[in-house]
Amino acid sequence: MQDKLVTVQRYLAESQSLHPEATGAFTELLWNLILAFKIISREVNKAGLASILGLTGERNIHGEEVKKLDVYAHETIVGIMQRSSPLCGMASEEAEEVIPIPPGRPLGKYVLAFDPLDGSSNIDANASIGTIFSIHQRLSKEGPAVRADFLQPGGRQVAAGYVIYGSSTILVYSSGSGVVAFTLDQSVGEFLLSHAGIITPAQGKIYSVNEGNALTWDAGTQRYIAHLKEKDAASGRPYSLRYIGSLVSDFHRNLLYGGIFLYPASQADPAKPKPKLRLLYEVAPLALIAEQAGGRASTGAARILDLQPTELHQKVPFIVGSKVDVERYEAFFQGRER
């Protein structure tokens, strides 16, 4: 039984050994990032006792109220990763500009983009929340990272993943060779391999969407949701609505069980549709995970991993999940459903 236990460190070391040209810098980057996840997990689990629930009284660059745990997660990741030599800079959903590596520290060839605490509106209700991360190789030749280093299509990501802080803490990760998941064993303080080679079902029976926004959806999305509520020809049942409101939680459930997550742009003003989710910090990394697991990620009109970012905090519509379900949504969105 003991021989079957694989720690995330062992997994990464064995993966590195498959690449004789590897310097170990990428592995070091991930080890440091995993340390940050462990610390955040510890604080999330005792948040009510540690007086870090609730609001700070401030708003972030998106105009959203900042939770104390948001700040803690952001500062933990930045504090640890600023001392990580493989990095030349970071970008966070909570920071307006590129976060530099302190002067005097060595600069590496990677950049890290992250959402420090996704689903923070659920913190005080003790619902699952998470961290999302994305890693690219820099485009600039030397010096501190610049904006262009982050403004790369998601298809160029070196690795991406997320952590769920819930009944257990789970790290889901891909470096372009499939998707694996590790569960944190609190008793020994190690992430252990719990899901090897995750493949999402080609079609699911779950849809995840905030139906409170239904009146602002485009006509194609409205027709698609109505279609899901009809009886399926094969099962005789409509799709089931499952929506937590924490992106990583809704995504993770559908990744394992099959289904579709939708956050289309609001069409309250048809001339200025307004999406909500951030391309660099949320959408692109989860799109990589979905595709590596056999799923699909789209805006309805374009593949997510092909999008060329133009801003650090750019927002896009996000439709992700089982391949058949997303392709069917695209047909409705584009007005070619049968």
Protein backbone atom coordinates (compact mmCIF):
# COMPACT_ATOMS: atom_id res chain seq x y z
CA MET A 1 0.00 0.00 0.00
CA GLN A 2 2.78 2.42 0.96
CA ASP A 3 4.49 1.91 -2.42
CA LYS A 4 1.44 3.39 -4.12
CA LEU A 5 1.76 6.74 -2.33
CA VAL A 6 3.17 9.41 -4.64
CA THR A 7 3.84 12.88 -3.27
CA VAL A 8 3.62 15.88 -5.56
CA GLN A 9 7.37 16.45 -5.04
CA ARG A 10 8.13 12.91 -6.18
CA TYR A 11 5.79 13.29 -9.14
CA LEU A 12 7.44 16.53 -10.25
CA ALA A 13 10.94 15.12 -9.78
CA GLU A 14 10.09 12.04 -11.85
CA SER A 15 8.53 14.25 -14.53
CA GLN A 16 11.69 16.36 -14.62
CA SER A 17 13.84 13.25 -15.04
CA LEU A 18 12.08 12.57 -18.34
CA HIS A 19 13.67 15.76 -19.72
CA PRO A 20 17.48 15.53 -19.58
CA GLU A 21 17.75 19.16 -20.70
CA ALA A 22 15.77 20.40 -17.66
CA THR A 23 17.61 22.66 -15.23
CA GLY A 24 15.23 22.18 -12.33
CA ALA A 25 14.06 25.80 -12.40
CA PHE A 26 10.49 24.92 -13.35
CA THR A 27 10.30 22.25 -10.64
CA GLU A 28 11.60 24.74 -8.08
CA LEU A 29 8.94 27.23 -9.16
CA LEU A 30 6.17 24.68 -8.59
CA TRP A 31 7.58 23.56 -5.22
CA ASN A 32 7.55 27.17 -4.00
CA LEU A 33 4.02 27.67 -5.30
CA ILE A 34 2.85 24.49 -3.55
CA LEU A 35 4.28 25.79 -0.28
CA ALA A 36 2.11 28.90 -0.68
CA PHE A 37 -0.94 26.69 -1.27
CA LYS A 38 -0.27 24.75 1.95
CA ILE A 39 -0.04 27.97 3.96
CA ILE A 40 -3.24 29.37 2.45
CA SER A 41 -5.02 26.07 3.11
CA ARG A 42 -3.97 26.20 6.75
CA GLU A 43 -5.35 29.71 7.16
CA VAL A 44 -8.59 28.94 5.30
CA ASN A 45 -9.22 26.00 7.61
CA LYS A 46 -8.93 28.17 10.72
CA ALA A 47 -10.24 31.44 9.27
CA GLY A 48 -13.08 31.80 11.78
CA LEU A 49 -10.68 31.38 14.68
CA ALA A 50 -7.99 33.63 13.25
CA SER A 51 -10.23 36.68 12.71
CA ILE A 52 -9.57 36.81 8.96
CA LEU A 53 -13.16 36.44 7.83
CA GLY A 54 -15.09 39.43 6.54
CA LEU A 55 -14.22 42.57 4.56
CA THR A 56 -11.18 44.84 4.73
CA GLY A 57 -13.27 47.92 3.92
CA GLU A 58 -11.42 48.40 0.64
CA ARG A 59 -12.21 47.66 -3.01
CA ASN A 60 -9.92 46.09 -5.59
CA ILE A 61 -9.22 47.40 -9.10
CA HIS A 62 -12.43 45.78 -10.36
CA GLY A 63 -14.55 47.67 -7.81
CA GLU A 64 -15.21 44.54 -5.76
CA GLU A 65 -15.16 44.50 -1.96
CA VAL A 66 -11.93 42.94 -0.74
CA LYS A 67 -12.11 40.07 1.73
CA LYS A 68 -9.40 39.67 4.38
CA LEU A 69 -8.58 36.21 3.06
CA ASP A 70 -8.17 37.66 -0.46
CA VAL A 71 -5.43 39.92 0.87
CA TYR A 72 -3.84 37.13 2.88
CA ALA A 73 -3.74 34.74 -0.10
CA HIS A 74 -2.37 37.43 -2.43
CA GLU A 75 0.36 38.48 0.00
CA THR A 76 1.31 34.87 0.77
CA ILE A 77 1.83 33.97 -2.89
CA VAL A 78 3.68 37.20 -3.66
CA GLY A 79 5.87 36.94 -0.57
CA ILE A 80 6.98 33.39 -1.32
CA MET A 81 7.26 33.72 -5.11
CA GLN A 82 9.23 36.99 -5.05
CA ARG A 83 12.05 34.90 -3.62
CA SER A 84 11.67 32.27 -6.36
CA SER A 85 14.62 32.59 -8.76
CA PRO A 86 12.79 30.97 -11.72
CA LEU A 87 10.44 34.00 -11.94
CA CYS A 88 11.01 37.40 -13.51
CA GLY A 89 7.60 38.78 -12.52
CA MET A 90 4.00 38.10 -11.52
CA ALA A 91 0.50 39.35 -12.28
CA SER A 92 -2.41 39.01 -9.87
CA GLU A 93 -6.10 39.64 -10.15
CA GLU A 94 -5.68 41.81 -7.05
CA ALA A 95 -2.89 44.02 -8.50
CA GLU A 96 -3.31 46.59 -11.25
CA GLU A 97 0.18 46.26 -12.74
CA VAL A 98 2.93 43.64 -13.08
CA ILE A 99 4.40 42.65 -9.71
CA PRO A 100 8.21 42.87 -9.92
CA ILE A 101 10.85 40.69 -8.35
CA PRO A 102 12.71 42.74 -5.69
CA PRO A 103 16.00 44.36 -6.76
CA GLY A 104 19.04 42.19 -6.20
CA ARG A 105 17.16 38.93 -6.69
CA PRO A 106 17.99 36.71 -9.69
CA LEU A 107 15.52 36.85 -12.57
CA GLY A 108 14.34 33.66 -14.25
CA LYS A 109 12.57 32.88 -17.50
CA TYR A 110 9.02 32.31 -16.21
CA VAL A 111 6.08 34.57 -15.34
CA LEU A 112 3.24 33.65 -13.01
CA ALA A 113 -0.36 34.92 -13.28
CA PHE A 114 -2.82 34.01 -10.53
CA ASP A 115 -6.18 34.57 -8.91
CA PRO A 116 -5.23 34.30 -5.24
CA LEU A 117 -8.69 33.44 -3.93
CA ASP A 118 -11.47 32.61 -6.36
CA GLY A 119 -15.00 32.50 -4.98
CA SER A 120 -14.21 34.82 -2.09
CA SER A 121 -17.86 35.90 -1.87
CA ASN A 122 -18.46 32.43 -0.40
CA ILE A 123 -15.87 32.73 2.37
CA ASP A 124 -18.18 33.73 5.20
CA ALA A 125 -20.65 30.98 4.23
CA ASN A 126 -17.89 28.35 4.51
CA ALA A 127 -18.33 27.23 0.89
CA SER A 128 -15.42 25.94 -1.17
CA ILE A 129 -13.01 28.54 -2.56
CA GLY A 130 -9.78 28.22 -4.50
CA THR A 131 -6.62 29.55 -6.14
CA ILE A 132 -6.01 29.51 -9.91
CA PHE A 133 -2.58 29.87 -11.52
CA SER A 134 -0.96 30.08 -14.95
CA ILE A 135 2.71 29.89 -15.97
CA HIS A 136 4.29 31.17 -19.20
CA GLN A 137 7.85 31.49 -20.41
CA ARG A 138 8.81 35.13 -20.77
CA LEU A 139 8.97 36.77 -24.21
CA SER A 140 11.35 39.55 -23.25
CA LYS A 141 15.03 38.67 -23.37
CA GLU A 142 16.22 40.05 -20.04
CA GLY A 143 15.45 42.30 -17.10
CA PRO A 144 12.21 42.46 -15.10
CA ALA A 145 9.01 41.11 -16.66
CA VAL A 146 6.94 43.48 -18.77
CA ARG A 147 3.27 43.37 -19.74
CA ALA A 148 3.99 41.61 -23.04
CA ASP A 149 5.37 38.62 -21.13
CA PHE A 150 1.87 37.99 -19.75
CA LEU A 151 -0.15 38.91 -22.85
CA GLN A 152 0.26 35.53 -24.54
CA PRO A 153 -2.43 33.16 -25.83
CA GLY A 154 -3.42 30.47 -23.35
CA GLY A 155 -2.20 27.81 -25.75
CA ARG A 156 1.35 28.87 -24.89
CA GLN A 157 1.00 28.17 -21.17
CA VAL A 158 3.79 26.03 -19.77
CA ALA A 159 1.51 24.87 -16.99
CA ALA A 160 -1.72 25.78 -15.25
CA GLY A 161 -3.86 24.56 -12.41
CA TYR A 162 -6.00 25.34 -9.42
CA VAL A 163 -6.42 24.47 -5.76
CA ILE A 164 -9.75 23.88 -4.03
CA TYR A 165 -9.94 24.62 -0.31
CA GLY A 166 -12.97 22.63 0.77
CA SER A 167 -13.70 19.48 2.74
CA SER A 168 -10.25 18.53 1.50
CA THR A 169 -7.58 20.59 -0.24
CA ILE A 170 -7.02 19.41 -3.81
CA LEU A 171 -4.43 20.58 -6.34
CA VAL A 172 -5.30 19.98 -10.01
CA TYR A 173 -2.46 20.51 -12.45
CA SER A 174 -1.39 20.16 -16.07
CA SER A 175 1.88 20.91 -17.84
CA GLY A 176 0.51 19.90 -21.23
CA SER A 177 0.64 16.12 -20.79
CA GLY A 178 -2.74 15.36 -19.26
CA VAL A 179 -4.32 16.34 -15.95
CA VAL A 180 -3.51 15.02 -12.49
CA ALA A 181 -4.79 15.88 -9.03
CA PHE A 182 -3.21 15.71 -5.58
CA THR A 183 -5.03 15.77 -2.25
CA LEU A 184 -3.39 17.36 0.79
CA ASP A 185 -2.89 14.89 3.63
CA GLN A 186 -3.08 17.24 6.60
CA SER A 187 -1.54 14.65 8.93
CA VAL A 188 1.78 14.63 7.08
CA GLY A 189 1.55 17.98 5.29
CA GLU A 190 1.99 16.49 1.83
CA PHE A 191 -0.01 16.56 -1.39
CA LEU A 192 -0.52 12.94 -2.47
CA LEU A 193 -1.50 11.80 -5.96
CA SER A 194 -5.22 11.03 -5.85
CA HIS A 195 -6.38 11.34 -9.47
CA ALA A 196 -4.05 10.21 -12.26
CA GLY A 197 -4.89 10.93 -15.89
CA ILE A 198 -8.21 12.74 -15.41
CA ILE A 199 -10.49 12.49 -18.44
CA THR A 200 -13.76 14.40 -18.42
CA PRO A 201 -16.82 12.66 -19.92
CA ALA A 202 -17.52 13.60 -23.53
CA GLN A 203 -21.02 14.67 -22.50
CA GLY A 204 -22.54 15.37 -19.11
CA LYS A 205 -25.94 15.92 -17.52
CA ILE A 206 -25.11 18.99 -15.41
CA TYR A 207 -25.17 22.66 -16.30
CA SER A 208 -23.76 25.42 -14.11
CA VAL A 209 -24.87 28.99 -14.67
CA ASN A 210 -26.20 31.95 -12.70
CA GLU A 211 -29.78 32.02 -13.94
CA GLY A 212 -30.32 35.29 -12.12
CA ASN A 213 -28.66 36.87 -15.16
CA ALA A 214 -30.99 35.20 -17.66
CA LEU A 215 -32.65 38.42 -18.81
CA THR A 216 -29.26 39.82 -19.88
CA TRP A 217 -28.16 36.81 -21.95
CA ASP A 218 -27.97 36.80 -25.73
CA ALA A 219 -30.74 34.96 -27.60
CA GLY A 220 -28.55 31.95 -28.41
CA THR A 221 -27.66 31.37 -24.75
CA GLN A 222 -31.31 31.68 -23.76
CA ARG A 223 -32.31 29.09 -26.35
CA TYR A 224 -29.52 26.75 -25.23
CA ILE A 225 -30.55 26.85 -21.55
CA ALA A 226 -34.17 26.24 -22.55
CA HIS A 227 -32.94 23.27 -24.59
CA LEU A 228 -31.14 21.81 -21.54
CA LYS A 229 -34.38 21.93 -19.58
CA GLU A 230 -36.14 19.75 -22.11
CA LYS A 231 -36.17 15.96 -21.77
CA ASP A 232 -33.07 14.38 -23.25
CA ALA A 233 -33.85 11.82 -25.97
CA ALA A 234 -31.46 9.25 -24.48
CA SER A 235 -32.18 9.54 -20.77
CA GLY A 236 -35.69 11.01 -20.79
CA ARG A 237 -34.53 13.61 -18.23
CA PRO A 238 -33.49 17.25 -18.53
CA TYR A 239 -30.03 18.42 -17.44
CA SER A 240 -29.63 19.17 -13.73
CA LEU A 241 -28.69 22.65 -12.56
CA ARG A 242 -25.74 22.67 -10.14
CA TYR A 243 -24.31 26.10 -9.34
CA ILE A 244 -22.17 26.92 -6.31
CA GLY A 245 -20.97 30.33 -7.44
CA SER A 246 -17.32 29.43 -6.84
CA LEU A 247 -15.69 28.97 -10.26
CA VAL A 248 -13.14 26.37 -9.19
CA SER A 249 -15.80 24.31 -7.39
CA ASP A 250 -18.27 24.35 -10.29
CA PHE A 251 -15.47 23.63 -12.76
CA HIS A 252 -13.99 20.80 -10.68
CA ARG A 253 -17.32 19.00 -10.26
CA ASN A 254 -18.04 19.17 -13.98
CA LEU A 255 -14.47 18.12 -14.84
CA LEU A 256 -14.98 14.89 -12.92
CA TYR A 257 -18.65 14.19 -13.68
CA GLY A 258 -19.15 15.87 -17.04
CA GLY A 259 -21.28 18.89 -17.87
CA ILE A 260 -20.96 22.52 -18.83
CA PHE A 261 -20.17 25.77 -17.00
CA LEU A 262 -21.39 29.00 -18.56
CA TYR A 263 -20.62 32.64 -17.83
CA PRO A 264 -21.72 34.48 -21.00
CA ALA A 265 -21.41 38.22 -21.43
CA SER A 266 -24.22 40.39 -20.13
CA GLN A 267 -26.26 41.91 -22.96
CA ALA A 268 -28.05 44.51 -20.83
CA ASP A 269 -26.62 46.99 -23.33
CA PRO A 270 -26.34 44.96 -26.59
CA ALA A 271 -23.87 47.52 -27.95
CA LYS A 272 -21.53 46.90 -25.01
CA PRO A 273 -21.71 43.28 -23.85
CA LYS A 274 -19.95 42.87 -20.52
CA PRO A 275 -18.21 39.60 -19.59
CA LYS A 276 -17.09 39.01 -16.00
CA LEU A 277 -14.28 36.44 -15.83
CA ARG A 278 -10.63 37.37 -16.33
CA LEU A 279 -8.81 35.80 -19.25
CA LEU A 280 -5.33 35.60 -17.73
CA TYR A 281 -6.16 34.67 -14.15
CA GLU A 282 -9.21 32.41 -14.47
CA VAL A 283 -10.29 31.57 -18.00
CA ALA A 284 -7.06 30.57 -19.79
CA PRO A 285 -5.70 28.30 -17.04
CA LEU A 286 -8.99 26.45 -16.63
CA ALA A 287 -9.31 26.19 -20.41
CA LEU A 288 -5.94 24.42 -20.53
CA ILE A 289 -7.06 21.98 -17.83
CA ALA A 290 -10.33 21.32 -19.67
CA GLU A 291 -8.70 20.62 -23.01
CA GLN A 292 -5.98 18.46 -21.49
CA ALA A 293 -8.77 16.37 -19.93
CA GLY A 294 -10.55 16.00 -23.28
CA GLY A 295 -13.02 18.85 -22.81
CA ARG A 296 -13.51 22.14 -24.59
CA ALA A 297 -13.40 25.84 -23.66
CA SER A 298 -14.92 28.62 -25.75
CA THR A 299 -16.35 32.12 -25.76
CA GLY A 300 -19.13 30.75 -27.94
CA ALA A 301 -17.45 32.24 -30.97
CA ALA A 302 -13.78 31.30 -30.47
CA ARG A 303 -11.52 28.77 -28.75
CA ILE A 304 -10.27 30.25 -25.47
CA LEU A 305 -6.68 29.04 -25.89
CA ASP A 306 -6.41 30.88 -29.23
CA LEU A 307 -7.34 34.28 -27.80
CA GLN A 308 -4.65 36.97 -27.89
CA PRO A 309 -4.87 38.99 -24.65
CA THR A 310 -4.63 42.76 -24.98
CA GLU A 311 -4.90 43.78 -21.31
CA LEU A 312 -3.75 42.33 -17.99
CA HIS A 313 -7.32 42.36 -16.65
CA GLN A 314 -9.21 41.59 -19.86
CA LYS A 315 -12.55 39.84 -19.38
CA VAL A 316 -14.15 37.36 -21.78
CA PRO A 317 -17.23 35.10 -21.91
CA PHE A 318 -16.40 31.60 -20.65
CA ILE A 319 -18.10 28.38 -21.69
CA VAL A 320 -16.25 25.25 -20.58
CA GLY A 321 -16.85 21.57 -19.96
CA SER A 322 -17.59 18.36 -21.81
CA LYS A 323 -16.75 18.56 -25.51
CA VAL A 324 -20.19 17.63 -26.85
CA ASP A 325 -21.95 20.06 -24.50
CA VAL A 326 -19.71 23.01 -25.39
CA GLU A 327 -19.95 22.29 -29.11
CA ARG A 328 -23.74 22.22 -28.81
CA TYR A 329 -23.69 25.58 -27.01
CA GLU A 330 -21.53 27.04 -29.80
CA ALA A 331 -24.14 25.93 -32.34
CA PHE A 332 -26.90 27.72 -30.41
CA PHE A 333 -24.77 30.83 -29.81
CA GLN A 334 -23.88 31.06 -33.50
CA GLY A 335 -27.47 30.45 -34.59
CA ARG A 336 -26.86 27.15 -36.35
CA GLU A 337 -28.62 24.74 -33.98
CA ARG A 338 -30.92 22.17 -35.47
